[in-house]
Amino acid sequence: MDGPGGSSLREPLLTGEGQSPLAGLGARVSAATERSPSSHRHSLHPEPSLRVYAARWRVLGIYCACAFVNQAIWLSFAPTAAEVAARFNVPLLAITSLNTSAAALFVPGAWLCARALAAVGLRRTVVLAACAQAVGALVRCVADGLVRETVSRRAAFAVLSTGQALASLAAPVFLNLPPVIAEAWFDPSGREFAQAVGTISSLLGQGAGSALAGSLISGARADGTFQLLFAQAALASALALSAYVGFESAPPTPPSRAAEASAARERGGSRSTLQLSASAASLSTRALADPIAGLDADPDDSGARGAGSPLAIWRALLCRPQFLLLLLAFNVGLGIAAAIMTLLGQMVEKCGYGPAIAGDASGLFMLAGAAGAFVAARVLDRTRAYKATLRAVALGSSCSGALFMRAIRPGARAELLVCAALLGAWTVAALPVLIANAVEEAYPAPPDAPTALLFTSSNVLQVAFTFVLQLLLTAQGDECGDLASPSRALIVGAAGVGCLLPVLAFDGAQNRRIAEEAAELERRVANEYGLG
């Protein structure tokens, strides 16, 4: 299919491998100046207004609040599993299964999220997810407050599990879409920061939900459970209403060329300047040969969301060696972090510490992690140094992880807490930086596609890694251990081989950034010299 003026949508803007993606415009500018009289040097293509709106903070705030509550609902019973099991007269394994059911439901939830996004758009997808979350929270509240009192405790647990499943199915909407909202509402100078805020809000919800449950639920009968469930249901309902009233898919005019291109794909209309000039990341010989390059051309020319089903896009991404490096680093890194946070209490207990130190270390990990993520996102927004920032946070994560493992020893409480904060600052910072690189590398795939693939695959590895680490800790007995212990050697070795080495080997392209720069320059050339 050809764009205006007969130029192929697959026409690259460069003349050879390794050249600047904007270098190919030079000859076109020279030719245009020779053949175009000065009278033609006016704006034949009116510049569309690119601006940001104050409403972007309202949209991001609603989304982050929903994500925060969703993850808090998930971990309602994690710190008081034994007491809650007694309250509902079920085995402890049932509570453990309830807490881990979110991982099992993430895959169908991610598929539903992608299909809803393609079918009804961003606003309706978020509103539907917020409503499902509210209904799930209300069902949990009714289960404990009504069914448990009037029917039976086990029947109440079955109803509660149904409500939890509804909220879990909505979880992918609140984990996978920060890059979509960031691209739709924020310009390149604030896009990565917005993406980081959306991503970290879920992690903060996990920490806050676990801490609040631990402080409200007490006693052998898990007193305070209904109050917690009622508060969550009320908050989730209020957020569903706020999403319906105040959440919007996009501003009146796009904030960037990438948002302009996404809007054009959503409408299924004519190609935007970004797509015409950049041909959706065909700015290098490698990108032209890449499987994902064909995803912006639907066979029926509908143009909706870049093309194809979510599974088709995932299959194309899995054929990209550079994306696979990011996928490996993300899966191993998130698997290590989840296993450490899940089993930290057992690790420190073997070295003579009580449960309080594990809670303090987890809290410092989350707080320092949020600060580190925001700083890393600001660095990306200001420098656009995607690969350099990724390598820095990967190296920092590996080194701080080794220091943290070394600090888990008797009589080193202060060192342990400091190292936990360092580990959080570097490791959590790596999360939005890695997602940003994945979105850039995967372009022109919709920004939710690589994020969904990263989180979906990581859910499987988290469970497996936690299981293996639990086996090693059990075999370790009551011994505190050191860096040479199998459990800690696994963590340090996996971080080095599975995270650091893939990141150092990563040499992907910033396809979205390059496409935006090329589109902006070509539009200026067209306006100045009458290129059509």
Protein backbone atom coordinates (compact mmCIF):
# COMPACT_ATOMS: atom_id res chain seq x y z
CA MET A 1 0.00 0.00 0.00
CA ASP A 2 1.35 3.43 -0.96
CA GLY A 3 0.95 6.66 0.91
CA PRO A 4 0.33 10.09 -0.61
CA GLY A 5 2.59 10.92 -3.47
CA GLY A 6 3.17 7.25 -4.23
CA SER A 7 5.83 6.76 -1.53
CA SER A 8 5.83 3.25 -0.17
CA LEU A 9 4.94 2.80 3.45
CA ARG A 10 7.99 0.59 3.70
CA GLU A 11 10.36 3.21 2.25
CA PRO A 12 13.36 3.58 4.56
CA LEU A 13 14.78 6.99 5.36
CA LEU A 14 18.41 5.97 5.20
CA THR A 15 20.84 4.76 2.62
CA GLY A 16 22.81 2.17 4.53
CA GLU A 17 23.29 0.32 7.78
CA GLY A 18 24.60 2.46 10.62
CA GLN A 19 23.69 5.83 9.12
CA SER A 20 21.56 8.32 10.97
CA PRO A 21 17.87 7.63 10.41
CA LEU A 22 17.46 11.26 9.42
CA ALA A 23 20.35 11.30 6.96
CA GLY A 24 18.20 10.21 4.03
CA LEU A 25 16.28 13.44 4.15
CA GLY A 26 19.26 15.46 2.97
CA ALA A 27 18.96 14.48 -0.69
CA ARG A 28 15.23 15.07 -0.62
CA VAL A 29 15.71 18.56 0.80
CA SER A 30 18.29 19.42 -1.88
CA ALA A 31 16.08 18.10 -4.67
CA ALA A 32 13.10 19.96 -3.30
CA THR A 33 14.93 23.28 -3.12
CA GLU A 34 16.07 22.92 -6.74
CA ARG A 35 12.65 22.10 -8.16
CA SER A 36 10.40 24.15 -5.87
CA PRO A 37 10.07 27.89 -6.51
CA SER A 38 10.10 30.14 -3.51
CA SER A 39 6.39 30.76 -3.89
CA HIS A 40 5.82 27.11 -3.02
CA ARG A 41 7.77 27.35 0.20
CA HIS A 42 4.81 27.71 2.43
CA SER A 43 2.87 25.31 4.60
CA LEU A 44 0.99 22.95 2.34
CA HIS A 45 0.46 20.59 5.28
CA PRO A 46 -0.82 22.57 8.28
CA GLU A 47 1.04 21.59 11.42
CA PRO A 48 -1.29 19.75 13.78
CA SER A 49 -1.31 21.08 17.31
CA LEU A 50 0.85 19.00 19.64
CA ARG A 51 0.23 19.92 23.24
CA VAL A 52 -0.30 18.47 26.67
CA TYR A 53 -3.35 19.06 28.86
CA ALA A 54 -3.70 19.44 32.62
CA ALA A 55 -6.30 16.66 32.51
CA ARG A 56 -3.47 14.18 32.00
CA TRP A 57 -2.76 14.20 35.73
CA ARG A 58 -6.41 13.46 36.55
CA VAL A 59 -6.41 10.51 34.14
CA LEU A 60 -3.12 9.17 35.47
CA GLY A 61 -4.26 9.68 39.08
CA ILE A 62 -7.49 7.71 38.57
CA TYR A 63 -5.60 4.90 36.88
CA CYS A 64 -2.91 4.75 39.59
CA ALA A 65 -5.50 4.71 42.38
CA CYS A 66 -7.33 1.80 40.71
CA ALA A 67 -4.04 -0.06 40.28
CA PHE A 68 -3.11 0.59 43.92
CA VAL A 69 -6.41 -0.82 45.22
CA ASN A 70 -6.32 -3.80 42.86
CA GLN A 71 -2.99 -4.99 44.22
CA ALA A 72 -4.04 -4.26 47.80
CA ILE A 73 -7.07 -6.53 47.29
CA TRP A 74 -4.81 -9.27 45.99
CA LEU A 75 -2.63 -9.36 49.13
CA SER A 76 -5.40 -8.90 51.70
CA PHE A 77 -4.70 -12.21 53.44
CA ALA A 78 -1.00 -12.79 52.78
CA PRO A 79 0.31 -11.72 56.23
CA THR A 80 -2.49 -13.40 58.24
CA ALA A 81 -3.07 -16.59 56.28
CA ALA A 82 -3.39 -18.90 59.32
CA GLU A 83 -5.93 -16.67 61.09
CA VAL A 84 -8.05 -16.20 57.96
CA ALA A 85 -8.00 -19.97 57.32
CA ALA A 86 -9.42 -20.52 60.79
CA ARG A 87 -12.06 -17.82 60.24
CA PHE A 88 -13.42 -19.60 57.16
CA ASN A 89 -12.70 -23.16 58.39
CA VAL A 90 -10.52 -24.03 55.41
CA PRO A 91 -6.99 -25.49 55.19
CA LEU A 92 -4.06 -23.11 55.12
CA LEU A 93 -3.34 -24.35 51.60
CA ALA A 94 -6.65 -22.83 50.49
CA ILE A 95 -5.54 -19.37 51.59
CA THR A 96 -2.17 -19.86 49.89
CA SER A 97 -3.96 -20.88 46.70
CA LEU A 98 -6.19 -17.82 46.96
CA ASN A 99 -3.16 -15.56 47.29
CA THR A 100 -1.46 -17.14 44.27
CA SER A 101 -4.59 -17.38 42.10
CA ALA A 102 -3.81 -13.97 40.62
CA ALA A 103 -0.84 -15.47 38.79
CA ALA A 104 -3.01 -18.21 37.27
CA LEU A 105 -5.69 -15.71 36.22
CA PHE A 106 -3.23 -13.22 34.78
CA VAL A 107 -2.96 -15.01 31.42
CA PRO A 108 -6.70 -15.03 30.62
CA GLY A 109 -6.96 -11.56 32.12
CA ALA A 110 -4.21 -10.26 29.84
CA TRP A 111 -5.97 -11.76 26.81
CA LEU A 112 -9.27 -10.14 27.84
CA CYS A 113 -7.48 -6.83 28.39
CA ALA A 114 -5.94 -6.88 24.91
CA ARG A 115 -9.21 -7.85 23.24
CA ALA A 116 -11.17 -5.19 25.12
CA LEU A 117 -8.60 -2.56 24.27
CA ALA A 118 -8.87 -3.42 20.58
CA ALA A 119 -12.66 -3.64 20.62
CA VAL A 120 -13.85 -0.79 22.83
CA GLY A 121 -10.80 1.42 23.43
CA LEU A 122 -8.84 2.59 26.46
CA ARG A 123 -11.58 4.41 28.38
CA ARG A 124 -14.13 1.60 28.31
CA THR A 125 -11.46 -0.99 29.08
CA VAL A 126 -10.37 0.85 32.23
CA VAL A 127 -13.96 1.56 33.30
CA LEU A 128 -14.94 -2.10 32.81
CA ALA A 129 -11.90 -3.24 34.81
CA ALA A 130 -12.67 -0.76 37.60
CA CYS A 131 -16.28 -1.98 37.72
CA ALA A 132 -15.19 -5.64 37.78
CA GLN A 133 -12.80 -4.79 40.61
CA ALA A 134 -15.57 -3.02 42.55
CA VAL A 135 -18.01 -5.90 42.06
CA GLY A 136 -15.35 -8.36 43.16
CA ALA A 137 -14.60 -6.34 46.29
CA LEU A 138 -18.32 -6.09 47.12
CA VAL A 139 -18.75 -9.85 46.66
CA ARG A 140 -15.89 -10.46 49.10
CA CYS A 141 -17.49 -8.13 51.60
CA VAL A 142 -20.89 -9.87 51.32
CA ALA A 143 -19.20 -13.26 51.65
CA ASP A 144 -17.67 -12.39 55.01
CA GLY A 145 -20.45 -10.20 56.40
CA LEU A 146 -23.50 -12.15 55.24
CA VAL A 147 -22.79 -15.61 53.84
CA ARG A 148 -20.42 -16.56 56.64
CA GLU A 149 -23.04 -15.64 59.24
CA THR A 150 -26.13 -17.10 57.54
CA VAL A 151 -24.95 -20.08 55.46
CA SER A 152 -21.56 -21.53 56.37
CA ARG A 153 -17.96 -20.49 56.64
CA ARG A 154 -16.82 -22.68 53.77
CA ALA A 155 -19.61 -21.42 51.52
CA ALA A 156 -18.49 -17.91 52.42
CA PHE A 157 -14.95 -18.74 51.37
CA ALA A 158 -16.18 -20.03 48.01
CA VAL A 159 -18.08 -16.77 47.44
CA LEU A 160 -15.08 -14.75 48.59
CA SER A 161 -12.86 -16.62 46.14
CA THR A 162 -15.26 -15.71 43.31
CA GLY A 163 -14.98 -12.04 44.19
CA GLN A 164 -11.21 -12.32 44.38
CA ALA A 165 -11.16 -13.92 40.93
CA LEU A 166 -13.08 -10.97 39.44
CA ALA A 167 -10.56 -8.52 40.83
CA SER A 168 -7.67 -10.71 39.63
CA LEU A 169 -9.03 -10.80 36.08
CA ALA A 170 -8.96 -7.00 36.10
CA ALA A 171 -5.34 -6.90 37.28
CA PRO A 172 -3.70 -6.97 33.81
CA VAL A 173 -5.52 -3.75 32.91
CA PHE A 174 -3.80 -2.06 35.83
CA LEU A 175 -0.38 -3.57 35.13
CA ASN A 176 -0.12 -3.58 31.34
CA LEU A 177 -1.46 -0.17 30.34
CA PRO A 178 0.83 2.49 31.88
CA PRO A 179 2.76 2.81 28.56
CA VAL A 180 -0.54 3.28 26.71
CA ILE A 181 -1.69 6.07 29.00
CA ALA A 182 1.76 7.67 29.00
CA GLU A 183 1.88 7.71 25.20
CA ALA A 184 -1.69 8.97 24.80
CA TRP A 185 -1.46 11.84 27.30
CA PHE A 186 2.18 12.84 27.83
CA ASP A 187 4.77 14.34 25.53
CA PRO A 188 8.25 12.80 25.23
CA SER A 189 9.61 15.02 28.00
CA GLY A 190 7.30 13.40 30.58
CA ARG A 191 6.27 10.12 29.00
CA GLU A 192 8.65 7.80 30.84
CA PHE A 193 7.93 9.44 34.19
CA ALA A 194 4.19 8.88 33.69
CA GLN A 195 4.85 5.28 32.72
CA ALA A 196 6.95 4.79 35.87
CA VAL A 197 4.26 6.31 38.12
CA GLY A 198 1.64 4.00 36.65
CA THR A 199 3.87 0.94 37.05
CA ILE A 200 5.06 1.68 40.58
CA SER A 201 1.53 2.40 41.88
CA SER A 202 0.80 -1.33 41.62
CA LEU A 203 3.91 -2.24 43.61
CA LEU A 204 3.05 0.31 46.29
CA GLY A 205 -0.44 -1.19 46.46
CA GLN A 206 1.06 -4.59 47.16
CA GLY A 207 3.12 -3.22 50.02
CA ALA A 208 0.33 -1.11 51.48
CA GLY A 209 -2.23 -3.91 51.19
CA SER A 210 -0.03 -6.35 53.01
CA ALA A 211 0.88 -3.85 55.73
CA LEU A 212 -2.73 -2.71 56.27
CA ALA A 213 -4.00 -6.28 56.47
CA GLY A 214 -1.34 -7.12 59.03
CA SER A 215 -2.31 -4.17 61.21
CA LEU A 216 -6.11 -4.54 60.99
CA ILE A 217 -6.53 -8.33 61.18
CA SER A 218 -5.64 -9.88 64.52
CA GLY A 219 -6.58 -12.69 66.88
CA ALA A 220 -7.32 -16.35 66.30
CA ARG A 221 -10.61 -15.47 64.58
CA ALA A 222 -9.04 -12.87 62.30
CA ASP A 223 -10.96 -9.99 63.84
CA GLY A 224 -11.00 -6.93 61.61
CA THR A 225 -11.41 -8.88 58.38
CA PHE A 226 -14.87 -7.46 57.63
CA GLN A 227 -13.70 -3.90 58.30
CA LEU A 228 -10.82 -4.37 55.87
CA LEU A 229 -13.04 -5.89 53.17
CA PHE A 230 -15.67 -3.17 53.63
CA ALA A 231 -13.08 -0.39 53.30
CA GLN A 232 -11.67 -1.97 50.13
CA ALA A 233 -15.15 -2.39 48.63
CA ALA A 234 -16.09 1.22 49.38
CA LEU A 235 -12.85 2.53 47.90
CA ALA A 236 -13.08 0.31 44.81
CA SER A 237 -16.69 1.43 44.22
CA ALA A 238 -15.74 5.09 44.53
CA LEU A 239 -12.88 4.59 42.07
CA ALA A 240 -15.17 2.81 39.58
CA LEU A 241 -17.45 5.86 39.67
CA SER A 242 -14.52 8.24 39.30
CA ALA A 243 -13.23 6.22 36.32
CA TYR A 244 -16.65 6.44 34.66
CA VAL A 245 -16.86 10.19 35.23
CA GLY A 246 -13.28 11.34 34.85
CA PHE A 247 -11.21 8.85 32.83
CA GLU A 248 -10.69 9.62 29.14
CA SER A 249 -8.90 7.72 26.40
CA ALA A 250 -7.02 10.63 24.87
CA PRO A 251 -6.86 14.44 24.85
CA PRO A 252 -8.44 16.54 22.07
CA THR A 253 -5.10 16.81 20.29
CA PRO A 254 -2.11 14.44 20.57
CA PRO A 255 0.93 15.31 22.70
CA SER A 256 3.43 13.64 20.35
CA ARG A 257 3.88 12.14 16.89
CA ALA A 258 3.65 8.65 18.40
CA ALA A 259 0.28 9.50 19.96
CA GLU A 260 -0.82 10.96 16.63
CA ALA A 261 0.07 7.69 14.89
CA SER A 262 -1.72 5.61 17.54
CA ALA A 263 -4.84 7.75 17.18
CA ALA A 264 -4.75 7.23 13.41
CA ARG A 265 -4.53 3.46 13.89
CA GLU A 266 -7.41 3.53 16.36
CA ARG A 267 -9.57 5.42 13.85
CA GLY A 268 -8.51 3.06 11.06
CA GLY A 269 -8.12 6.09 8.87
CA SER A 270 -5.34 7.57 6.83
CA ARG A 271 -1.75 7.18 7.89
CA SER A 272 -0.24 9.86 10.03
CA THR A 273 2.98 11.66 9.20
CA LEU A 274 4.80 9.43 11.66
CA GLN A 275 3.68 6.30 9.85
CA LEU A 276 4.27 7.74 6.39
CA SER A 277 7.76 8.98 7.06
CA ALA A 278 9.03 6.41 9.51
CA SER A 279 7.07 3.50 8.10
CA ALA A 280 6.59 2.25 11.62
CA ALA A 281 10.17 1.62 12.66
CA SER A 282 11.54 0.85 9.21
CA LEU A 283 14.33 3.27 9.99
CA SER A 284 17.09 0.73 9.89
CA THR A 285 17.97 -2.24 7.75
CA ARG A 286 17.56 -4.46 10.79
CA ALA A 287 14.07 -3.13 11.49
CA LEU A 288 13.04 -3.68 7.87
CA ALA A 289 14.01 -7.33 8.18
CA ASP A 290 12.23 -7.69 11.53
CA PRO A 291 9.00 -9.70 11.82
CA ILE A 292 7.26 -6.95 13.77
CA ALA A 293 7.68 -4.53 10.88
CA GLY A 294 4.66 -6.01 9.14
CA LEU A 295 2.32 -5.52 12.05
CA ASP A 296 1.20 -2.05 11.04
CA ALA A 297 -0.37 -3.31 7.83
CA ASP A 298 -3.60 -5.20 8.36
CA PRO A 299 -4.72 -7.41 5.50
CA ASP A 300 -8.11 -5.71 5.41
CA ASP A 301 -6.48 -2.26 5.80
CA SER A 302 -8.52 -1.59 8.92
CA GLY A 303 -5.51 -0.16 10.70
CA ALA A 304 -6.96 -0.88 14.12
CA ARG A 305 -4.35 -0.93 16.88
CA GLY A 306 -1.50 -1.67 14.58
CA ALA A 307 -2.86 -4.97 13.31
CA GLY A 308 -3.61 -8.51 14.18
CA SER A 309 -4.59 -10.30 17.34
CA PRO A 310 -2.62 -9.98 20.59
CA LEU A 311 -1.24 -13.50 20.09
CA ALA A 312 -0.05 -12.60 16.58
CA ILE A 313 1.81 -9.60 17.93
CA TRP A 314 3.30 -11.67 20.74
CA ARG A 315 4.49 -14.29 18.25
CA ALA A 316 6.17 -11.58 16.20
CA LEU A 317 7.85 -10.11 19.29
CA LEU A 318 9.13 -13.55 20.28
CA CYS A 319 10.94 -13.71 16.94
CA ARG A 320 13.03 -10.64 17.77
CA PRO A 321 16.38 -11.52 19.38
CA GLN A 322 16.75 -8.10 21.02
CA PHE A 323 13.31 -8.28 22.60
CA LEU A 324 14.06 -11.79 23.85
CA LEU A 325 17.06 -10.41 25.75
CA LEU A 326 14.78 -7.93 27.50
CA LEU A 327 12.23 -10.66 28.17
CA LEU A 328 14.87 -12.87 29.79
CA ALA A 329 16.21 -10.06 31.99
CA PHE A 330 12.70 -8.99 33.03
CA ASN A 331 11.53 -12.52 33.88
CA VAL A 332 14.61 -13.48 35.86
CA GLY A 333 14.80 -10.12 37.64
CA LEU A 334 11.15 -10.07 38.65
CA GLY A 335 11.31 -13.74 39.62
CA ILE A 336 14.28 -13.09 41.92
CA ALA A 337 12.67 -10.03 43.52
CA ALA A 338 9.35 -11.82 44.09
CA ALA A 339 11.06 -14.86 45.62
CA ILE A 340 13.19 -12.72 47.95
CA MET A 341 10.21 -10.67 49.16
CA THR A 342 8.09 -13.81 49.61
CA LEU A 343 10.69 -15.80 51.55
CA LEU A 344 12.63 -13.00 53.26
CA GLY A 345 11.07 -13.83 56.62
CA GLN A 346 12.47 -17.36 56.47
CA MET A 347 15.88 -16.16 55.32
CA VAL A 348 16.36 -13.67 58.17
CA GLU A 349 14.83 -16.02 60.77
CA LYS A 350 17.64 -18.51 60.15
CA CYS A 351 20.09 -15.75 61.13
CA GLY A 352 18.40 -14.93 64.43
CA TYR A 353 16.05 -12.09 63.43
CA GLY A 354 12.35 -11.82 64.19
CA PRO A 355 9.53 -11.08 61.71
CA ALA A 356 9.79 -7.33 62.36
CA ILE A 357 13.11 -7.05 60.52
CA ALA A 358 11.59 -8.68 57.44
CA GLY A 359 8.73 -6.17 57.49
CA ASP A 360 11.10 -3.24 57.91
CA ALA A 361 13.34 -4.47 55.08
CA SER A 362 10.34 -4.94 52.77
CA GLY A 363 9.07 -1.46 53.56
CA LEU A 364 12.45 0.14 52.86
CA PHE A 365 12.72 -1.90 49.67
CA MET A 366 9.40 -0.50 48.39
CA LEU A 367 9.96 3.13 49.46
CA ALA A 368 13.50 3.34 48.11
CA GLY A 369 12.35 1.49 45.00
CA ALA A 370 9.65 4.05 44.26
CA ALA A 371 12.16 6.89 44.63
CA GLY A 372 14.69 5.10 42.42
CA ALA A 373 12.11 4.41 39.73
CA PHE A 374 11.03 8.04 39.56
CA VAL A 375 14.64 9.24 39.34
CA ALA A 376 15.45 6.72 36.59
CA ALA A 377 12.34 7.77 34.64
CA ARG A 378 13.33 11.43 34.86
CA VAL A 379 16.79 10.55 33.59
CA LEU A 380 15.20 8.81 30.60
CA ASP A 381 12.91 11.76 29.88
CA ARG A 382 15.79 14.24 29.96
CA THR A 383 18.53 12.25 28.24
CA ARG A 384 16.70 9.65 26.09
CA ALA A 385 19.66 7.38 26.92
CA TYR A 386 17.62 4.20 27.05
CA LYS A 387 20.34 1.57 26.75
CA ALA A 388 22.85 3.37 28.98
CA THR A 389 20.26 3.83 31.73
CA LEU A 390 19.18 0.20 31.46
CA ARG A 391 22.76 -1.03 31.80
CA ALA A 392 23.34 1.24 34.79
CA VAL A 393 20.29 0.01 36.72
CA ALA A 394 21.03 -3.63 35.80
CA LEU A 395 24.59 -3.33 37.10
CA GLY A 396 23.36 -1.56 40.25
CA SER A 397 20.72 -4.24 40.81
CA SER A 398 23.22 -7.09 40.53
CA CYS A 399 25.75 -5.46 42.85
CA SER A 400 23.18 -4.40 45.45
CA GLY A 401 21.67 -7.89 45.34
CA ALA A 402 25.01 -9.46 46.20
CA LEU A 403 25.49 -6.94 49.03
CA PHE A 404 22.03 -7.71 50.38
CA MET A 405 22.69 -11.45 50.38
CA ARG A 406 25.95 -10.84 52.23
CA ALA A 407 24.21 -8.59 54.78
CA ILE A 408 21.83 -11.36 55.88
CA ARG A 409 23.93 -12.57 58.79
CA PRO A 410 23.74 -12.35 62.59
CA GLY A 411 24.38 -8.97 64.21
CA ALA A 412 24.15 -6.89 61.03
CA ARG A 413 20.68 -5.36 61.36
CA ALA A 414 21.63 -1.85 60.24
CA GLU A 415 23.64 -3.14 57.28
CA LEU A 416 20.77 -5.41 56.27
CA LEU A 417 18.27 -2.53 56.24
CA VAL A 418 20.60 -0.23 54.30
CA CYS A 419 21.25 -2.95 51.73
CA ALA A 420 17.51 -3.64 51.44
CA ALA A 421 16.97 0.02 50.57
CA LEU A 422 19.80 -0.07 48.03
CA LEU A 423 18.40 -3.22 46.47
CA GLY A 424 14.97 -1.63 46.16
CA ALA A 425 16.32 1.61 44.71
CA TRP A 426 18.15 -0.19 41.92
CA THR A 427 15.87 -3.18 41.31
CA VAL A 428 12.54 -1.35 41.22
CA ALA A 429 14.12 1.38 39.10
CA ALA A 430 14.99 -1.29 36.55
CA LEU A 431 11.31 -2.15 36.09
CA PRO A 432 10.09 1.01 34.28
CA VAL A 433 13.44 1.41 32.48
CA LEU A 434 13.23 -2.10 31.07
CA ILE A 435 9.58 -1.58 30.07
CA ALA A 436 10.51 1.66 28.32
CA ASN A 437 13.22 -0.11 26.32
CA ALA A 438 10.79 -2.89 25.43
CA VAL A 439 8.18 -0.43 24.16
CA GLU A 440 10.80 1.36 22.06
CA GLU A 441 12.20 -1.90 20.66
CA ALA A 442 8.73 -3.33 19.91
CA TYR A 443 7.42 -0.24 18.10
CA PRO A 444 5.14 -0.10 16.03
CA ALA A 445 3.41 -2.74 18.13
CA PRO A 446 0.86 -1.12 20.49
CA PRO A 447 2.64 -0.13 23.72
CA ASP A 448 0.56 -2.52 25.83
CA ALA A 449 1.68 -5.57 23.78
CA PRO A 450 5.29 -5.85 25.02
CA THR A 451 4.25 -4.95 28.58
CA ALA A 452 1.56 -7.63 28.63
CA LEU A 453 3.99 -10.22 27.31
CA LEU A 454 6.61 -9.28 29.92
CA PHE A 455 4.22 -9.51 32.88
CA THR A 456 2.38 -12.60 31.64
CA SER A 457 5.54 -14.63 31.19
CA SER A 458 7.05 -13.39 34.45
CA ASN A 459 4.08 -14.69 36.45
CA VAL A 460 5.02 -18.24 35.51
CA LEU A 461 8.70 -17.81 36.36
CA GLN A 462 7.92 -16.10 39.69
CA VAL A 463 6.06 -19.16 40.94
CA ALA A 464 8.79 -21.53 39.72
CA PHE A 465 11.65 -19.49 41.16
CA THR A 466 9.92 -19.10 44.54
CA PHE A 467 9.29 -22.87 44.64
CA VAL A 468 12.93 -23.70 43.92
CA LEU A 469 14.21 -21.18 46.47
CA GLN A 470 11.83 -22.61 49.08
CA LEU A 471 13.24 -26.10 48.49
CA LEU A 472 16.80 -24.84 48.93
CA LEU A 473 15.92 -22.96 52.13
CA THR A 474 14.23 -26.07 53.53
CA ALA A 475 17.25 -28.21 52.72
CA GLN A 476 19.44 -25.59 54.41
CA GLY A 477 17.81 -26.33 57.77
CA ASP A 478 18.45 -23.83 60.56
CA GLU A 479 21.83 -22.76 59.20
CA CYS A 480 22.12 -19.03 58.45
CA GLY A 481 24.39 -19.56 55.48
CA ASP A 482 26.50 -17.17 53.45
CA LEU A 483 27.09 -16.23 49.81
CA ALA A 484 28.25 -19.76 49.07
CA SER A 485 25.00 -21.29 50.33
CA PRO A 486 22.92 -22.83 47.52
CA SER A 487 19.96 -20.47 48.07
CA ARG A 488 22.04 -17.29 47.95
CA ALA A 489 24.36 -18.57 45.23
CA LEU A 490 21.25 -19.21 43.11
CA ILE A 491 20.04 -15.63 43.60
CA VAL A 492 23.40 -14.00 42.87
CA GLY A 493 24.18 -16.30 39.96
CA ALA A 494 20.75 -15.90 38.37
CA ALA A 495 21.00 -12.12 38.68
CA GLY A 496 24.36 -12.10 36.93
CA VAL A 497 23.63 -14.62 34.19
CA GLY A 498 19.92 -14.05 33.68
CA CYS A 499 19.72 -10.28 34.16
CA LEU A 500 23.04 -8.49 33.82
CA LEU A 501 24.48 -10.41 30.85
CA PRO A 502 21.33 -10.10 28.67
CA VAL A 503 21.15 -6.37 29.40
CA LEU A 504 24.82 -5.87 28.53
CA ALA A 505 24.25 -7.80 25.29
CA PHE A 506 21.10 -5.83 24.42
CA ASP A 507 21.56 -3.56 21.41
CA GLY A 508 17.98 -2.80 20.43
CA ALA A 509 16.75 0.31 18.65
CA GLN A 510 14.69 3.18 20.00
CA ASN A 511 12.24 2.80 17.15
CA ARG A 512 9.55 5.08 18.52
CA ARG A 513 11.96 7.89 19.31
CA ILE A 514 13.63 7.60 15.90
CA ALA A 515 10.27 7.52 14.14
CA GLU A 516 9.10 10.64 15.98
CA GLU A 517 12.27 12.55 15.14
CA ALA A 518 12.12 11.51 11.49
CA ALA A 519 8.44 12.37 11.20
CA GLU A 520 8.96 15.79 12.76
CA LEU A 521 11.85 16.61 10.45
CA GLU A 522 10.07 15.35 7.34
CA ARG A 523 6.96 17.35 8.20
CA ARG A 524 9.06 20.50 8.53
CA VAL A 525 10.75 19.78 5.20
CA ALA A 526 7.37 19.19 3.55
CA ASN A 527 5.96 22.42 4.93
CA GLU A 528 8.99 24.42 3.90
CA TYR A 529 9.55 23.08 0.40
CA GLY A 530 6.15 21.79 -0.62
CA LEU A 531 7.03 18.11 -0.64
CA GLY A 532 3.88 16.12 -1.18
